[in-house]
Amino acid sequence: MAYPVFPDYAEFLLDDYQIDPVTNIDRTEFEDGYIKQDPINSRQRYRSPVRYRLHTLAEQLAFETWRVSDLRFGALWFQWYDPVYHVERRARIEQGKVDYTPLTDRFDEWTVAFTIEYWG
């Protein structure tokens, strides 16, 4: 199955970027004080807040059309280039939520921020 591809016109911004490994441990405390820990999944899930620059209003509208149409309001997986490890990953927008912020009072440049999630 072919996945939609993340738009190449969006410029990655380092602001607020971090890699957050999601807790993957089930922890059980017993009456005798023993604490048991087991992994929940065999693979690790990661969350990363990302921010991209959209250079024109047309790019902002194109990005929103891509999110709504190709990703069904951000619910579907897509092919994303990981700027840290330089590999293509299958990722999705967590809960489909994005935030657009204009960079000028002319509304001609924008940033889009969201949390991306993927499996390692």
N, C-alpha and C. Protein backbone atom coordinates (compact mmCIF):
# COMPACT_ATOMS: atom_id res chain seq x y z
N MET A 1 0.84 -1.18 0.00
CA MET A 1 0.00 0.00 0.00
C MET A 1 0.88 1.24 0.00
N ALA A 2 0.60 2.16 -0.89
CA ALA A 2 1.37 3.40 -0.96
C ALA A 2 0.79 4.40 0.03
N TYR A 3 1.67 5.05 0.75
CA TYR A 3 1.25 6.05 1.72
C TYR A 3 1.41 7.44 1.12
N PRO A 4 0.57 8.40 1.53
CA PRO A 4 0.79 9.78 1.09
C PRO A 4 2.18 10.23 1.55
N VAL A 5 2.75 11.15 0.80
CA VAL A 5 4.10 11.64 1.09
C VAL A 5 4.00 13.03 1.71
N PHE A 6 4.79 13.26 2.76
CA PHE A 6 4.81 14.57 3.40
C PHE A 6 5.24 15.63 2.39
N PRO A 7 4.58 16.78 2.35
CA PRO A 7 4.89 17.81 1.36
C PRO A 7 6.34 18.28 1.41
N ASP A 8 6.99 18.35 0.25
CA ASP A 8 8.40 18.74 0.20
C ASP A 8 8.62 20.24 0.27
N TYR A 9 7.57 21.04 0.15
CA TYR A 9 7.73 22.49 0.24
C TYR A 9 7.82 22.99 1.68
N ALA A 10 7.41 22.17 2.65
CA ALA A 10 7.46 22.56 4.06
C ALA A 10 8.92 22.49 4.55
N GLU A 11 9.39 23.58 5.13
CA GLU A 11 10.78 23.67 5.60
C GLU A 11 10.84 23.33 7.09
N PHE A 12 11.60 22.30 7.44
CA PHE A 12 11.74 21.86 8.83
C PHE A 12 12.41 22.95 9.66
N LEU A 13 11.86 23.23 10.83
CA LEU A 13 12.45 24.19 11.77
C LEU A 13 12.86 23.44 13.03
N LEU A 14 14.01 23.77 13.55
CA LEU A 14 14.54 23.08 14.72
C LEU A 14 13.85 23.50 16.02
N ASP A 15 13.12 24.61 16.00
CA ASP A 15 12.45 25.11 17.20
C ASP A 15 11.60 24.04 17.86
N ASP A 16 11.79 23.86 19.15
CA ASP A 16 10.97 22.95 19.97
C ASP A 16 11.09 21.47 19.61
N TYR A 17 12.00 21.10 18.73
CA TYR A 17 12.10 19.70 18.33
C TYR A 17 12.72 18.87 19.45
N GLN A 18 12.15 17.73 19.70
CA GLN A 18 12.70 16.76 20.64
C GLN A 18 12.17 15.39 20.28
N ILE A 19 12.85 14.36 20.74
CA ILE A 19 12.39 12.99 20.53
C ILE A 19 11.96 12.45 21.88
N ASP A 20 10.72 12.01 21.97
CA ASP A 20 10.14 11.55 23.22
C ASP A 20 9.73 10.08 23.10
N PRO A 21 10.56 9.15 23.61
CA PRO A 21 10.14 7.74 23.62
C PRO A 21 8.95 7.57 24.57
N VAL A 22 7.87 7.02 24.06
CA VAL A 22 6.66 6.82 24.86
C VAL A 22 6.89 5.64 25.80
N THR A 23 6.41 5.76 27.03
CA THR A 23 6.57 4.69 28.01
C THR A 23 6.09 3.37 27.45
N ASN A 24 6.93 2.37 27.57
CA ASN A 24 6.64 1.06 26.99
C ASN A 24 6.79 -0.03 28.06
N ILE A 25 6.56 0.33 29.30
CA ILE A 25 6.74 -0.59 30.43
C ILE A 25 5.43 -0.73 31.21
N ASP A 26 5.08 -1.96 31.50
CA ASP A 26 3.96 -2.25 32.39
C ASP A 26 4.56 -2.56 33.75
N ARG A 27 4.19 -1.78 34.75
CA ARG A 27 4.79 -1.91 36.08
C ARG A 27 3.71 -2.37 37.07
N THR A 28 4.00 -3.47 37.77
CA THR A 28 3.05 -4.03 38.73
C THR A 28 3.72 -4.14 40.09
N GLU A 29 3.08 -3.54 41.12
CA GLU A 29 3.60 -3.63 42.48
C GLU A 29 2.83 -4.71 43.24
N PHE A 30 3.55 -5.58 43.92
CA PHE A 30 2.95 -6.66 44.69
C PHE A 30 2.91 -6.31 46.17
N GLU A 31 2.05 -7.02 46.92
CA GLU A 31 1.89 -6.76 48.35
C GLU A 31 3.19 -6.93 49.13
N ASP A 32 4.06 -7.87 48.68
CA ASP A 32 5.30 -8.13 49.42
C ASP A 32 6.39 -7.10 49.11
N GLY A 33 6.06 -6.07 48.29
CA GLY A 33 7.03 -5.03 47.98
C GLY A 33 7.76 -5.23 46.66
N TYR A 34 7.65 -6.43 46.09
CA TYR A 34 8.31 -6.70 44.81
C TYR A 34 7.62 -5.91 43.70
N ILE A 35 8.39 -5.33 42.82
CA ILE A 35 7.85 -4.60 41.68
C ILE A 35 8.31 -5.29 40.40
N LYS A 36 7.34 -5.70 39.60
CA LYS A 36 7.63 -6.38 38.35
C LYS A 36 7.47 -5.40 37.19
N GLN A 37 8.40 -5.43 36.26
CA GLN A 37 8.32 -4.59 35.07
C GLN A 37 8.46 -5.46 33.83
N ASP A 38 7.59 -5.24 32.86
CA ASP A 38 7.63 -5.96 31.60
C ASP A 38 7.37 -4.99 30.46
N PRO A 39 8.01 -5.25 29.31
CA PRO A 39 7.71 -4.41 28.16
C PRO A 39 6.28 -4.66 27.67
N ILE A 40 5.63 -3.60 27.19
CA ILE A 40 4.27 -3.72 26.66
C ILE A 40 4.30 -4.17 25.21
N ASN A 41 5.18 -3.56 24.41
CA ASN A 41 5.28 -3.86 22.99
C ASN A 41 6.71 -4.28 22.65
N SER A 42 6.86 -4.94 21.53
CA SER A 42 8.19 -5.35 21.11
C SER A 42 8.92 -4.22 20.38
N ARG A 43 8.19 -3.19 19.97
CA ARG A 43 8.80 -2.04 19.32
C ARG A 43 8.51 -0.78 20.11
N GLN A 44 9.37 0.23 19.96
CA GLN A 44 9.23 1.49 20.69
C GLN A 44 8.47 2.51 19.84
N ARG A 45 7.52 3.20 20.47
CA ARG A 45 6.80 4.30 19.81
C ARG A 45 7.43 5.61 20.26
N TYR A 46 7.53 6.55 19.32
CA TYR A 46 8.13 7.86 19.60
C TYR A 46 7.15 8.96 19.24
N ARG A 47 7.25 10.07 19.98
CA ARG A 47 6.49 11.28 19.71
C ARG A 47 7.49 12.42 19.57
N SER A 48 7.28 13.27 18.60
CA SER A 48 8.17 14.41 18.41
C SER A 48 7.35 15.64 18.03
N PRO A 49 7.42 16.71 18.85
CA PRO A 49 6.79 17.95 18.40
C PRO A 49 7.64 18.54 17.28
N VAL A 50 7.00 18.89 16.18
CA VAL A 50 7.71 19.43 15.03
C VAL A 50 7.07 20.74 14.60
N ARG A 51 7.87 21.53 13.90
CA ARG A 51 7.39 22.81 13.36
C ARG A 51 7.99 22.96 11.96
N TYR A 52 7.14 23.36 11.01
CA TYR A 52 7.56 23.56 9.63
C TYR A 52 7.15 24.95 9.17
N ARG A 53 7.99 25.53 8.34
CA ARG A 53 7.68 26.85 7.76
C ARG A 53 7.01 26.64 6.41
N LEU A 54 5.92 27.37 6.20
CA LEU A 54 5.21 27.39 4.93
C LEU A 54 5.40 28.80 4.38
N HIS A 55 6.03 28.91 3.23
CA HIS A 55 6.53 30.20 2.73
C HIS A 55 5.47 31.11 2.12
N THR A 56 4.30 30.58 1.82
CA THR A 56 3.24 31.40 1.22
C THR A 56 1.89 30.95 1.75
N LEU A 57 0.89 31.80 1.53
CA LEU A 57 -0.47 31.42 1.89
C LEU A 57 -0.91 30.20 1.07
N ALA A 58 -0.46 30.14 -0.19
CA ALA A 58 -0.80 28.99 -1.04
C ALA A 58 -0.25 27.70 -0.45
N GLU A 59 0.97 27.74 0.12
CA GLU A 59 1.53 26.54 0.75
C GLU A 59 0.74 26.16 2.00
N GLN A 60 0.29 27.15 2.75
CA GLN A 60 -0.52 26.86 3.95
C GLN A 60 -1.83 26.20 3.54
N LEU A 61 -2.47 26.72 2.50
CA LEU A 61 -3.72 26.13 2.01
C LEU A 61 -3.48 24.73 1.43
N ALA A 62 -2.37 24.54 0.73
CA ALA A 62 -2.04 23.22 0.16
C ALA A 62 -1.78 22.21 1.27
N PHE A 63 -1.10 22.64 2.33
CA PHE A 63 -0.82 21.73 3.46
C PHE A 63 -2.13 21.31 4.12
N GLU A 64 -3.02 22.27 4.33
CA GLU A 64 -4.30 21.95 4.96
C GLU A 64 -5.13 21.03 4.07
N THR A 65 -5.10 21.24 2.77
CA THR A 65 -5.80 20.35 1.84
C THR A 65 -5.21 18.94 1.91
N TRP A 66 -3.88 18.83 1.97
CA TRP A 66 -3.21 17.53 2.09
C TRP A 66 -3.65 16.83 3.37
N ARG A 67 -3.66 17.57 4.49
CA ARG A 67 -4.05 16.99 5.78
C ARG A 67 -5.50 16.52 5.76
N VAL A 68 -6.40 17.33 5.26
CA VAL A 68 -7.82 17.01 5.25
C VAL A 68 -8.15 15.92 4.23
N SER A 69 -7.64 16.06 3.01
CA SER A 69 -8.01 15.13 1.93
C SER A 69 -7.19 13.85 1.94
N ASP A 70 -5.86 13.98 1.83
CA ASP A 70 -5.00 12.79 1.72
C ASP A 70 -4.91 12.01 3.02
N LEU A 71 -4.93 12.73 4.15
CA LEU A 71 -4.77 12.06 5.45
C LEU A 71 -6.08 11.89 6.20
N ARG A 72 -7.17 12.21 5.57
CA ARG A 72 -8.49 12.13 6.21
C ARG A 72 -8.48 12.84 7.56
N PHE A 73 -8.25 14.13 7.51
CA PHE A 73 -8.21 15.00 8.68
C PHE A 73 -7.05 14.66 9.62
N GLY A 74 -5.99 14.10 9.07
CA GLY A 74 -4.80 13.80 9.85
C GLY A 74 -4.79 12.43 10.49
N ALA A 75 -5.76 11.59 10.18
CA ALA A 75 -5.86 10.28 10.84
C ALA A 75 -4.94 9.22 10.24
N LEU A 76 -4.58 9.35 8.97
CA LEU A 76 -3.84 8.30 8.28
C LEU A 76 -2.32 8.45 8.41
N TRP A 77 -1.63 7.34 8.17
CA TRP A 77 -0.17 7.32 8.14
C TRP A 77 0.33 7.92 6.83
N PHE A 78 1.54 8.47 6.87
CA PHE A 78 2.16 9.02 5.67
C PHE A 78 3.66 8.78 5.71
N GLN A 79 4.30 8.97 4.58
CA GLN A 79 5.76 8.80 4.47
C GLN A 79 6.40 10.13 4.85
N TRP A 80 7.31 10.09 5.84
CA TRP A 80 7.92 11.30 6.40
C TRP A 80 9.42 11.13 6.46
N TYR A 81 10.16 12.14 6.05
CA TYR A 81 11.62 12.12 6.12
C TYR A 81 12.05 12.58 7.51
N ASP A 82 12.73 11.70 8.25
CA ASP A 82 13.22 12.01 9.59
C ASP A 82 14.48 12.86 9.45
N PRO A 83 14.44 14.14 9.89
CA PRO A 83 15.58 15.03 9.70
C PRO A 83 16.79 14.70 10.58
N VAL A 84 16.60 13.90 11.61
CA VAL A 84 17.70 13.54 12.50
C VAL A 84 18.47 12.35 11.96
N TYR A 85 17.77 11.28 11.64
CA TYR A 85 18.41 10.03 11.22
C TYR A 85 18.49 9.87 9.70
N HIS A 86 17.93 10.83 8.96
CA HIS A 86 17.99 10.84 7.50
C HIS A 86 17.44 9.56 6.88
N VAL A 87 16.29 9.14 7.37
CA VAL A 87 15.60 7.97 6.83
C VAL A 87 14.13 8.32 6.62
N GLU A 88 13.48 7.58 5.73
CA GLU A 88 12.04 7.72 5.53
C GLU A 88 11.33 6.86 6.57
N ARG A 89 10.32 7.42 7.20
CA ARG A 89 9.54 6.70 8.21
C ARG A 89 8.05 6.77 7.86
N ARG A 90 7.31 5.79 8.35
CA ARG A 90 5.86 5.86 8.29
C ARG A 90 5.44 6.56 9.58
N ALA A 91 4.75 7.66 9.46
CA ALA A 91 4.39 8.48 10.62
C ALA A 91 2.96 8.97 10.48
N ARG A 92 2.45 9.56 11.56
CA ARG A 92 1.15 10.20 11.50
C ARG A 92 1.12 11.39 12.45
N ILE A 93 0.16 12.26 12.24
CA ILE A 93 -0.03 13.43 13.10
C ILE A 93 -0.86 12.98 14.29
N GLU A 94 -0.30 13.13 15.47
CA GLU A 94 -1.01 12.66 16.67
C GLU A 94 -2.35 13.37 16.80
N GLN A 95 -3.40 12.61 16.86
CA GLN A 95 -4.79 13.06 16.96
C GLN A 95 -5.20 13.95 15.80
N GLY A 96 -4.39 14.03 14.75
CA GLY A 96 -4.72 14.84 13.58
C GLY A 96 -4.69 16.34 13.81
N LYS A 97 -4.17 16.76 14.97
CA LYS A 97 -4.22 18.18 15.35
C LYS A 97 -2.99 18.95 14.88
N VAL A 98 -3.23 20.06 14.19
CA VAL A 98 -2.15 20.96 13.76
C VAL A 98 -2.49 22.37 14.21
N ASP A 99 -1.46 23.20 14.38
CA ASP A 99 -1.64 24.62 14.71
C ASP A 99 -0.91 25.45 13.67
N TYR A 100 -1.64 26.37 13.04
CA TYR A 100 -1.06 27.29 12.06
C TYR A 100 -0.85 28.64 12.72
N THR A 101 0.32 29.22 12.51
CA THR A 101 0.63 30.54 13.05
C THR A 101 1.19 31.42 11.94
N PRO A 102 0.57 32.59 11.71
CA PRO A 102 1.12 33.49 10.70
C PRO A 102 2.40 34.14 11.22
N LEU A 103 3.36 34.36 10.32
CA LEU A 103 4.62 34.98 10.71
C LEU A 103 4.65 36.48 10.41
N THR A 104 3.72 36.95 9.59
CA THR A 104 3.65 38.38 9.27
C THR A 104 2.20 38.84 9.36
N ASP A 105 2.00 40.15 9.43
CA ASP A 105 0.64 40.68 9.48
C ASP A 105 -0.03 40.67 8.10
N ARG A 106 0.71 40.30 7.07
CA ARG A 106 0.15 40.16 5.72
C ARG A 106 -0.33 38.72 5.48
N PHE A 107 -0.10 37.84 6.43
CA PHE A 107 -0.50 36.43 6.34
C PHE A 107 0.10 35.75 5.11
N ASP A 108 1.34 36.12 4.76
CA ASP A 108 1.96 35.54 3.58
C ASP A 108 2.99 34.46 3.92
N GLU A 109 3.33 34.31 5.19
CA GLU A 109 4.19 33.21 5.64
C GLU A 109 3.60 32.62 6.91
N TRP A 110 3.75 31.30 7.06
CA TRP A 110 3.12 30.59 8.17
C TRP A 110 4.07 29.56 8.76
N THR A 111 3.78 29.15 9.98
CA THR A 111 4.36 27.92 10.51
C THR A 111 3.21 26.97 10.83
N VAL A 112 3.50 25.69 10.71
CA VAL A 112 2.54 24.68 11.12
C VAL A 112 3.26 23.82 12.17
N ALA A 113 2.59 23.61 13.30
CA ALA A 113 3.18 22.83 14.39
C ALA A 113 2.23 21.67 14.72
N PHE A 114 2.83 20.52 15.00
CA PHE A 114 2.05 19.36 15.39
C PHE A 114 2.99 18.35 16.04
N THR A 115 2.42 17.33 16.62
CA THR A 115 3.22 16.24 17.19
C THR A 115 3.13 15.06 16.23
N ILE A 116 4.29 14.60 15.82
CA ILE A 116 4.35 13.46 14.91
C ILE A 116 4.61 12.22 15.74
N GLU A 117 4.01 11.11 15.37
CA GLU A 117 4.29 9.86 16.08
C GLU A 117 4.68 8.79 15.07
N TYR A 118 5.62 7.96 15.50
CA TYR A 118 6.12 6.87 14.64
C TYR A 118 6.67 5.77 15.51
N TRP A 119 6.84 4.60 14.91
CA TRP A 119 7.39 3.44 15.61
C TRP A 119 8.84 3.25 15.19
N GLY A 120 9.70 2.95 16.15
CA GLY A 120 11.11 2.75 15.86
C GLY A 120 11.43 1.30 15.58
